[in-house]
């Protein structure tokens, strides 16, 4: 992702102060081309990874994952969102333009990173859904992941479709998509095949211990349990 973020940063100079109406669409078009190029590479690498994992699992039959493109509408919506604060309604007192530009650049980098990472993650997810030898996929959360990502990670390889992946688990969770991968999220999806056992990493076992301990006496449903887990993680 370092190369992607470098290339996205280089394109930011297209946007010209005082000429947003003309230059922001030009910037969006250039970023879209860059994102699509990196997304294709990411999807290809993810497909290769899936096939390697399938071979290691000695899964039967032959299965070739489909490559995933970034939907044009999704890309356009993400980049519009990233630059939306450059235009401030007249009735509001706007922050300084330097502050708005810096915030938009940060949001744009996160949006571009997510679009590319989603291409890789969706390649795995869609392959798991289509492959009869796939048991499911597990969320591999980074050490610095947010509480919700950690919560999804401790569930193990239960994800096979959009509902089980967390589409309805928290509608207010930041970021688009059924599978709840947000901007600046470094989680990825790893397939698990029939006959394979799942052995969580030590940090995942620790998150599970914290979850079990923090929620054992909680009443009030899943929202209350999520909040208890979030507070417990913050205290560690």
C-alpha atoms as a PDB file:
ATOM      1  CA  UNK A   1       0.000   0.000   0.000  1.00  0.00           C
ATOM      2  CA  UNK A   2       2.989   2.314   0.341  1.00  0.00           C
ATOM      3  CA  UNK A   3       3.285   2.702  -3.427  1.00  0.00           C
ATOM      4  CA  UNK A   4      -0.457   3.340  -3.745  1.00  0.00           C
ATOM      5  CA  UNK A   5      -0.415   6.068  -1.092  1.00  0.00           C
ATOM      6  CA  UNK A   6       2.652   7.632  -2.702  1.00  0.00           C
ATOM      7  CA  UNK A   7       0.917   7.762  -6.086  1.00  0.00           C
ATOM      8  CA  UNK A   8      -2.313   9.111  -4.587  1.00  0.00           C
ATOM      9  CA  UNK A   9      -0.375  11.830  -2.754  1.00  0.00           C
ATOM     10  CA  UNK A  10       1.334  12.829  -6.008  1.00  0.00           C
ATOM     11  CA  UNK A  11      -2.066  13.373  -7.633  1.00  0.00           C
ATOM     12  CA  UNK A  12      -3.290  15.738  -4.938  1.00  0.00           C
ATOM     13  CA  UNK A  13      -1.599  18.654  -6.695  1.00  0.00           C
ATOM     14  CA  UNK A  14      -4.220  18.431  -9.443  1.00  0.00           C
ATOM     15  CA  UNK A  15      -6.710  20.101  -7.113  1.00  0.00           C
ATOM     16  CA  UNK A  16      -6.295  23.866  -7.416  1.00  0.00           C
ATOM     17  CA  UNK A  17      -7.412  26.325  -4.772  1.00  0.00           C
ATOM     18  CA  UNK A  18     -10.190  28.513  -6.163  1.00  0.00           C
ATOM     19  CA  UNK A  19     -10.899  26.113  -9.018  1.00  0.00           C
ATOM     20  CA  UNK A  20     -12.425  23.115  -7.245  1.00  0.00           C
ATOM     21  CA  UNK A  21     -15.306  22.776  -9.697  1.00  0.00           C
ATOM     22  CA  UNK A  22     -12.928  21.986 -12.573  1.00  0.00           C
ATOM     23  CA  UNK A  23      -9.962  20.354 -10.852  1.00  0.00           C
ATOM     24  CA  UNK A  24     -11.667  18.052  -8.331  1.00  0.00           C
ATOM     25  CA  UNK A  25     -13.343  16.007 -11.134  1.00  0.00           C
ATOM     26  CA  UNK A  26      -9.965  15.852 -12.914  1.00  0.00           C
ATOM     27  CA  UNK A  27      -8.373  14.612  -9.701  1.00  0.00           C
ATOM     28  CA  UNK A  28     -11.148  12.054  -9.225  1.00  0.00           C
ATOM     29  CA  UNK A  29     -10.634  10.675 -12.742  1.00  0.00           C
ATOM     30  CA  UNK A  30      -6.882  10.362 -12.207  1.00  0.00           C
ATOM     31  CA  UNK A  31      -7.301   8.686  -8.819  1.00  0.00           C
ATOM     32  CA  UNK A  32      -9.846   6.255 -10.263  1.00  0.00           C
ATOM     33  CA  UNK A  33      -7.351   5.109 -12.910  1.00  0.00           C
ATOM     34  CA  UNK A  34      -4.678   4.643 -10.238  1.00  0.00           C
ATOM     35  CA  UNK A  35      -7.005   2.804  -7.878  1.00  0.00           C
ATOM     36  CA  UNK A  36      -8.168   0.462 -10.636  1.00  0.00           C
ATOM     37  CA  UNK A  37      -4.588  -0.395 -11.541  1.00  0.00           C
ATOM     38  CA  UNK A  38      -3.650  -1.263  -7.975  1.00  0.00           C
ATOM     39  CA  UNK A  39      -6.967  -3.048  -7.381  1.00  0.00           C
ATOM     40  CA  UNK A  40      -6.322  -5.390 -10.295  1.00  0.00           C
ATOM     41  CA  UNK A  41      -2.903  -6.232  -8.871  1.00  0.00           C
ATOM     42  CA  UNK A  42      -4.382  -6.736  -5.394  1.00  0.00           C
ATOM     43  CA  UNK A  43      -7.160  -8.978  -6.696  1.00  0.00           C
ATOM     44  CA  UNK A  44      -4.662 -11.037  -8.690  1.00  0.00           C
ATOM     45  CA  UNK A  45      -2.445 -11.520  -5.634  1.00  0.00           C
ATOM     46  CA  UNK A  46      -5.485 -12.470  -3.548  1.00  0.00           C
ATOM     47  CA  UNK A  47      -6.566 -15.059  -6.121  1.00  0.00           C
ATOM     48  CA  UNK A  48      -3.056 -16.528  -6.153  1.00  0.00           C
ATOM     49  CA  UNK A  49      -3.101 -16.631  -2.350  1.00  0.00           C
ATOM     50  CA  UNK A  50      -6.484 -18.366  -2.338  1.00  0.00           C
ATOM     51  CA  UNK A  51      -5.304 -21.022  -4.780  1.00  0.00           C
ATOM     52  CA  UNK A  52      -2.155 -21.607  -2.705  1.00  0.00           C
ATOM     53  CA  UNK A  53      -4.172 -22.003   0.492  1.00  0.00           C
ATOM     54  CA  UNK A  54      -6.562 -24.340  -1.285  1.00  0.00           C
ATOM     55  CA  UNK A  55      -3.682 -26.474  -2.486  1.00  0.00           C
ATOM     56  CA  UNK A  56      -2.146 -26.593   1.007  1.00  0.00           C
ATOM     57  CA  UNK A  57      -5.517 -27.708   2.380  1.00  0.00           C
ATOM     58  CA  UNK A  58      -5.593 -30.508  -0.215  1.00  0.00           C
ATOM     59  CA  UNK A  59      -9.076 -29.402  -1.271  1.00  0.00           C
ATOM     60  CA  UNK A  60     -10.670 -31.581  -3.914  1.00  0.00           C
ATOM     61  CA  UNK A  61     -11.530 -30.511  -7.432  1.00  0.00           C
ATOM     62  CA  UNK A  62     -10.367 -27.462  -9.333  1.00  0.00           C
ATOM     63  CA  UNK A  63     -11.480 -23.941  -8.490  1.00  0.00           C
ATOM     64  CA  UNK A  64     -10.259 -20.650  -9.932  1.00  0.00           C
ATOM     65  CA  UNK A  65     -11.256 -17.449  -8.125  1.00  0.00           C
ATOM     66  CA  UNK A  66     -12.717 -14.659 -10.202  1.00  0.00           C
ATOM     67  CA  UNK A  67     -10.896 -11.332 -10.143  1.00  0.00           C
ATOM     68  CA  UNK A  68     -12.813  -8.438  -8.636  1.00  0.00           C
ATOM     69  CA  UNK A  69     -13.036  -4.928 -10.091  1.00  0.00           C
ATOM     70  CA  UNK A  70     -13.746  -1.772  -8.132  1.00  0.00           C
ATOM     71  CA  UNK A  71     -17.331  -0.796  -8.990  1.00  0.00           C
ATOM     72  CA  UNK A  72     -17.347   2.603 -10.668  1.00  0.00           C
ATOM     73  CA  UNK A  73     -20.198   3.823  -8.480  1.00  0.00           C
ATOM     74  CA  UNK A  74     -18.420   2.754  -5.289  1.00  0.00           C
ATOM     75  CA  UNK A  75     -15.202   4.483  -6.319  1.00  0.00           C
ATOM     76  CA  UNK A  76     -17.009   7.682  -7.292  1.00  0.00           C
ATOM     77  CA  UNK A  77     -18.992   7.758  -4.035  1.00  0.00           C
ATOM     78  CA  UNK A  78     -15.862   7.229  -1.926  1.00  0.00           C
ATOM     79  CA  UNK A  79     -13.926   9.997  -3.653  1.00  0.00           C
ATOM     80  CA  UNK A  80     -16.888  12.407  -3.488  1.00  0.00           C
ATOM     81  CA  UNK A  81     -17.125  11.728   0.232  1.00  0.00           C
ATOM     82  CA  UNK A  82     -13.394  12.341   0.680  1.00  0.00           C
ATOM     83  CA  UNK A  83     -13.590  15.801  -0.896  1.00  0.00           C
ATOM     84  CA  UNK A  84     -17.076  16.791   0.279  1.00  0.00           C
ATOM     85  CA  UNK A  85     -15.817  19.142   3.004  1.00  0.00           C
ATOM     86  CA  UNK A  86     -14.019  21.307   0.468  1.00  0.00           C
ATOM     87  CA  UNK A  87     -17.414  22.861  -0.237  1.00  0.00           C
ATOM     88  CA  UNK A  88     -18.900  24.456   2.885  1.00  0.00           C
ATOM     89  CA  UNK A  89     -22.533  25.679   3.026  1.00  0.00           C
ATOM     90  CA  UNK A  90     -22.726  29.460   3.196  1.00  0.00           C
ATOM     91  CA  UNK A  91     -24.594  29.401   6.507  1.00  0.00           C
ATOM     92  CA  UNK A  92     -21.659  27.705   8.233  1.00  0.00           C
ATOM     93  CA  UNK A  93     -18.421  29.237   9.418  1.00  0.00           C
ATOM     94  CA  UNK A  94     -15.880  27.175   7.494  1.00  0.00           C
ATOM     95  CA  UNK A  95     -12.592  25.966   8.959  1.00  0.00           C
ATOM     96  CA  UNK A  96      -9.495  27.416   7.277  1.00  0.00           C
ATOM     97  CA  UNK A  97      -9.024  26.118   3.747  1.00  0.00           C
ATOM     98  CA  UNK A  98      -5.632  24.638   4.672  1.00  0.00           C
ATOM     99  CA  UNK A  99      -7.323  22.554   7.342  1.00  0.00           C
ATOM    100  CA  UNK A 100     -10.043  21.393   4.959  1.00  0.00           C
ATOM    101  CA  UNK A 101      -7.523  20.468   2.272  1.00  0.00           C
ATOM    102  CA  UNK A 102      -5.406  18.483   4.727  1.00  0.00           C
ATOM    103  CA  UNK A 103      -8.460  16.649   6.054  1.00  0.00           C
ATOM    104  CA  UNK A 104      -9.658  15.857   2.527  1.00  0.00           C
ATOM    105  CA  UNK A 105      -6.223  14.533   1.539  1.00  0.00           C
ATOM    106  CA  UNK A 106      -6.192  12.197   4.554  1.00  0.00           C
ATOM    107  CA  UNK A 107      -9.701  10.976   3.799  1.00  0.00           C
ATOM    108  CA  UNK A 108      -8.837  10.456   0.137  1.00  0.00           C
ATOM    109  CA  UNK A 109      -5.811   8.332   1.038  1.00  0.00           C
ATOM    110  CA  UNK A 110      -7.930   6.193   3.339  1.00  0.00           C
ATOM    111  CA  UNK A 111     -10.679   5.834   0.750  1.00  0.00           C
ATOM    112  CA  UNK A 112      -8.233   4.820  -1.987  1.00  0.00           C
ATOM    113  CA  UNK A 113      -6.519   2.330   0.310  1.00  0.00           C
ATOM    114  CA  UNK A 114      -9.871   0.785   1.216  1.00  0.00           C
ATOM    115  CA  UNK A 115     -10.988   0.512  -2.412  1.00  0.00           C
ATOM    116  CA  UNK A 116      -7.833  -1.405  -3.314  1.00  0.00           C
ATOM    117  CA  UNK A 117      -7.881  -3.566  -0.188  1.00  0.00           C
ATOM    118  CA  UNK A 118     -11.560  -4.331  -0.759  1.00  0.00           C
ATOM    119  CA  UNK A 119     -10.724  -5.733  -4.195  1.00  0.00           C
ATOM    120  CA  UNK A 120      -8.397  -8.250  -2.542  1.00  0.00           C
ATOM    121  CA  UNK A 121     -10.790  -9.018   0.313  1.00  0.00           C
ATOM    122  CA  UNK A 122     -13.785  -9.400  -1.996  1.00  0.00           C
ATOM    123  CA  UNK A 123     -11.766 -11.775  -4.166  1.00  0.00           C
ATOM    124  CA  UNK A 124     -11.342 -14.065  -1.146  1.00  0.00           C
ATOM    125  CA  UNK A 125     -14.894 -13.581   0.095  1.00  0.00           C
ATOM    126  CA  UNK A 126     -16.505 -14.283  -3.275  1.00  0.00           C
ATOM    127  CA  UNK A 127     -14.279 -17.316  -3.795  1.00  0.00           C
ATOM    128  CA  UNK A 128     -15.327 -18.723  -0.415  1.00  0.00           C
ATOM    129  CA  UNK A 129     -18.979 -18.181  -1.291  1.00  0.00           C
ATOM    130  CA  UNK A 130     -18.602 -19.981  -4.628  1.00  0.00           C
ATOM    131  CA  UNK A 131     -16.191 -22.773  -3.669  1.00  0.00           C
ATOM    132  CA  UNK A 132     -17.978 -25.872  -2.300  1.00  0.00           C
ATOM    133  CA  UNK A 133     -14.743 -26.903  -0.569  1.00  0.00           C
ATOM    134  CA  UNK A 134     -14.545 -23.661   1.426  1.00  0.00           C
ATOM    135  CA  UNK A 135     -15.772 -23.859   4.988  1.00  0.00           C
ATOM    136  CA  UNK A 136     -15.730 -20.088   5.451  1.00  0.00           C
ATOM    137  CA  UNK A 137     -13.345 -17.240   5.957  1.00  0.00           C
ATOM    138  CA  UNK A 138     -11.800 -15.795   9.067  1.00  0.00           C
ATOM    139  CA  UNK A 139     -11.098 -12.141   9.691  1.00  0.00           C
ATOM    140  CA  UNK A 140      -7.401 -11.579  10.324  1.00  0.00           C
ATOM    141  CA  UNK A 141      -7.296  -8.414  12.409  1.00  0.00           C
ATOM    142  CA  UNK A 142      -4.178  -6.313  12.872  1.00  0.00           C
ATOM    143  CA  UNK A 143      -2.782  -5.733  16.364  1.00  0.00           C
ATOM    144  CA  UNK A 144      -3.918  -2.114  16.320  1.00  0.00           C
ATOM    145  CA  UNK A 145      -7.393  -2.921  15.013  1.00  0.00           C
ATOM    146  CA  UNK A 146     -10.494  -1.262  16.433  1.00  0.00           C
ATOM    147  CA  UNK A 147     -12.695  -3.138  18.882  1.00  0.00           C
ATOM    148  CA  UNK A 148     -15.225  -4.113  16.226  1.00  0.00           C
ATOM    149  CA  UNK A 149     -12.553  -5.671  14.001  1.00  0.00           C
ATOM    150  CA  UNK A 150     -11.257  -7.611  16.998  1.00  0.00           C
ATOM    151  CA  UNK A 151     -14.789  -8.731  17.791  1.00  0.00           C
ATOM    152  CA  UNK A 152     -15.205 -10.026  14.247  1.00  0.00           C
ATOM    153  CA  UNK A 153     -11.809 -11.756  14.402  1.00  0.00           C
ATOM    154  CA  UNK A 154     -12.546 -13.812  17.518  1.00  0.00           C
ATOM    155  CA  UNK A 155     -15.527 -15.455  15.842  1.00  0.00           C
ATOM    156  CA  UNK A 156     -13.250 -17.574  13.683  1.00  0.00           C
ATOM    157  CA  UNK A 157     -14.091 -19.052  10.263  1.00  0.00           C
ATOM    158  CA  UNK A 158     -17.862 -18.598  10.492  1.00  0.00           C
ATOM    159  CA  UNK A 159     -18.162 -16.186   7.581  1.00  0.00           C
ATOM    160  CA  UNK A 160     -19.640 -17.602   4.410  1.00  0.00           C
ATOM    161  CA  UNK A 161     -22.121 -14.934   3.318  1.00  0.00           C
ATOM    162  CA  UNK A 162     -22.961 -11.283   3.849  1.00  0.00           C
ATOM    163  CA  UNK A 163     -25.198 -11.829   6.871  1.00  0.00           C
ATOM    164  CA  UNK A 164     -22.679 -13.892   8.810  1.00  0.00           C
ATOM    165  CA  UNK A 165     -19.927 -11.406   7.905  1.00  0.00           C
ATOM    166  CA  UNK A 166     -21.499  -8.652   9.946  1.00  0.00           C
ATOM    167  CA  UNK A 167     -23.776  -6.766   7.574  1.00  0.00           C
ATOM    168  CA  UNK A 168     -26.411  -6.357  10.250  1.00  0.00           C
ATOM    169  CA  UNK A 169     -24.122  -6.588  13.274  1.00  0.00           C
ATOM    170  CA  UNK A 170     -23.572  -2.862  13.561  1.00  0.00           C
ATOM    171  CA  UNK A 171     -25.224  -0.603  10.992  1.00  0.00           C
ATOM    172  CA  UNK A 172     -23.431   2.426  12.431  1.00  0.00           C
ATOM    173  CA  UNK A 173     -19.945   0.991  11.981  1.00  0.00           C
ATOM    174  CA  UNK A 174     -17.750   3.370   9.987  1.00  0.00           C
ATOM    175  CA  UNK A 175     -17.295   2.581   6.327  1.00  0.00           C
ATOM    176  CA  UNK A 176     -19.253   1.176   3.422  1.00  0.00           C
ATOM    177  CA  UNK A 177     -19.761  -2.440   2.437  1.00  0.00           C
ATOM    178  CA  UNK A 178     -21.450  -5.572   3.694  1.00  0.00           C
ATOM    179  CA  UNK A 179     -18.274  -6.904   5.209  1.00  0.00           C
ATOM    180  CA  UNK A 180     -17.451  -3.983   7.472  1.00  0.00           C
ATOM    181  CA  UNK A 181     -13.930  -3.143   6.421  1.00  0.00           C
ATOM    182  CA  UNK A 182     -13.494   0.557   7.091  1.00  0.00           C
ATOM    183  CA  UNK A 183     -11.043   3.204   5.922  1.00  0.00           C
ATOM    184  CA  UNK A 184      -7.492   2.641   7.183  1.00  0.00           C
ATOM    185  CA  UNK A 185      -8.465  -0.932   8.117  1.00  0.00           C
ATOM    186  CA  UNK A 186      -5.646  -3.463   7.782  1.00  0.00           C
ATOM    187  CA  UNK A 187      -7.723  -6.602   8.355  1.00  0.00           C
ATOM    188  CA  UNK A 188      -7.886  -9.214   5.636  1.00  0.00           C
ATOM    189  CA  UNK A 189      -9.904 -12.323   4.897  1.00  0.00           C
ATOM    190  CA  UNK A 190      -8.284 -15.767   5.076  1.00  0.00           C
ATOM    191  CA  UNK A 191     -10.057 -18.864   3.716  1.00  0.00           C
ATOM    192  CA  UNK A 192     -10.554 -22.045   5.719  1.00  0.00           C
ATOM    193  CA  UNK A 193     -11.402 -25.262   3.878  1.00  0.00           C
ATOM    194  CA  UNK A 194     -13.275 -28.431   4.742  1.00  0.00           C
ATOM    195  CA  UNK A 195     -11.309 -30.644   7.080  1.00  0.00           C
ATOM    196  CA  UNK A 196      -9.103 -27.794   8.266  1.00  0.00           C
ATOM    197  CA  UNK A 197      -9.046 -26.713  11.885  1.00  0.00           C
ATOM    198  CA  UNK A 198      -8.679 -23.071  12.846  1.00  0.00           C
ATOM    199  CA  UNK A 199      -6.043 -22.159  15.393  1.00  0.00           C
ATOM    200  CA  UNK A 200      -6.290 -18.506  16.468  1.00  0.00           C
ATOM    201  CA  UNK A 201      -3.174 -16.448  16.961  1.00  0.00           C
ATOM    202  CA  UNK A 202      -2.181 -15.657  20.584  1.00  0.00           C
ATOM    203  CA  UNK A 203      -3.554 -12.113  20.413  1.00  0.00           C
ATOM    204  CA  UNK A 204      -6.886 -13.413  19.118  1.00  0.00           C
ATOM    205  CA  UNK A 205      -7.075 -15.853  22.032  1.00  0.00           C
ATOM    206  CA  UNK A 206      -6.435 -12.917  24.372  1.00  0.00           C
ATOM    207  CA  UNK A 207      -9.190 -10.843  22.733  1.00  0.00           C
ATOM    208  CA  UNK A 208     -11.531 -13.807  23.166  1.00  0.00           C
ATOM    209  CA  UNK A 209     -10.600 -14.075  26.848  1.00  0.00           C
ATOM    210  CA  UNK A 210     -11.284 -10.361  27.347  1.00  0.00           C
ATOM    211  CA  UNK A 211     -14.599 -10.673  25.520  1.00  0.00           C
ATOM    212  CA  UNK A 212     -15.742 -13.663  27.578  1.00  0.00           C
ATOM    213  CA  UNK A 213     -14.717 -12.026  30.837  1.00  0.00           C
ATOM    214  CA  UNK A 214     -16.192  -8.603  30.069  1.00  0.00           C
ATOM    215  CA  UNK A 215     -19.556  -9.868  28.793  1.00  0.00           C
ATOM    216  CA  UNK A 216     -20.325 -12.785  31.116  1.00  0.00           C
ATOM    217  CA  UNK A 217     -22.648 -10.754  33.354  1.00  0.00           C
ATOM    218  CA  UNK A 218     -23.916  -8.296  30.717  1.00  0.00           C
ATOM    219  CA  UNK A 219     -27.607  -8.091  29.938  1.00  0.00           C
ATOM    220  CA  UNK A 220     -29.281  -5.959  27.301  1.00  0.00           C
ATOM    221  CA  UNK A 221     -28.388  -7.701  24.091  1.00  0.00           C
ATOM    222  CA  UNK A 222     -25.556  -7.591  21.593  1.00  0.00           C
ATOM    223  CA  UNK A 223     -25.089  -3.801  21.683  1.00  0.00           C
ATOM    224  CA  UNK A 224     -24.473  -3.889  25.421  1.00  0.00           C
ATOM    225  CA  UNK A 225     -22.017  -6.751  24.986  1.00  0.00           C
ATOM    226  CA  UNK A 226     -20.119  -4.888  22.278  1.00  0.00           C
ATOM    227  CA  UNK A 227     -19.872  -1.824  24.498  1.00  0.00           C
ATOM    228  CA  UNK A 228     -18.622  -3.906  27.419  1.00  0.00           C
ATOM    229  CA  UNK A 229     -15.959  -5.460  25.208  1.00  0.00           C
ATOM    230  CA  UNK A 230     -14.904  -2.054  23.864  1.00  0.00           C
ATOM    231  CA  UNK A 231     -14.529  -0.647  27.380  1.00  0.00           C
ATOM    232  CA  UNK A 232     -12.573  -3.700  28.529  1.00  0.00           C
ATOM    233  CA  UNK A 233     -10.150  -3.396  25.611  1.00  0.00           C
ATOM    234  CA  UNK A 234      -9.643   0.297  26.376  1.00  0.00           C
ATOM    235  CA  UNK A 235      -8.704  -0.603  29.955  1.00  0.00           C
ATOM    236  CA  UNK A 236      -6.024  -3.132  28.960  1.00  0.00           C
END
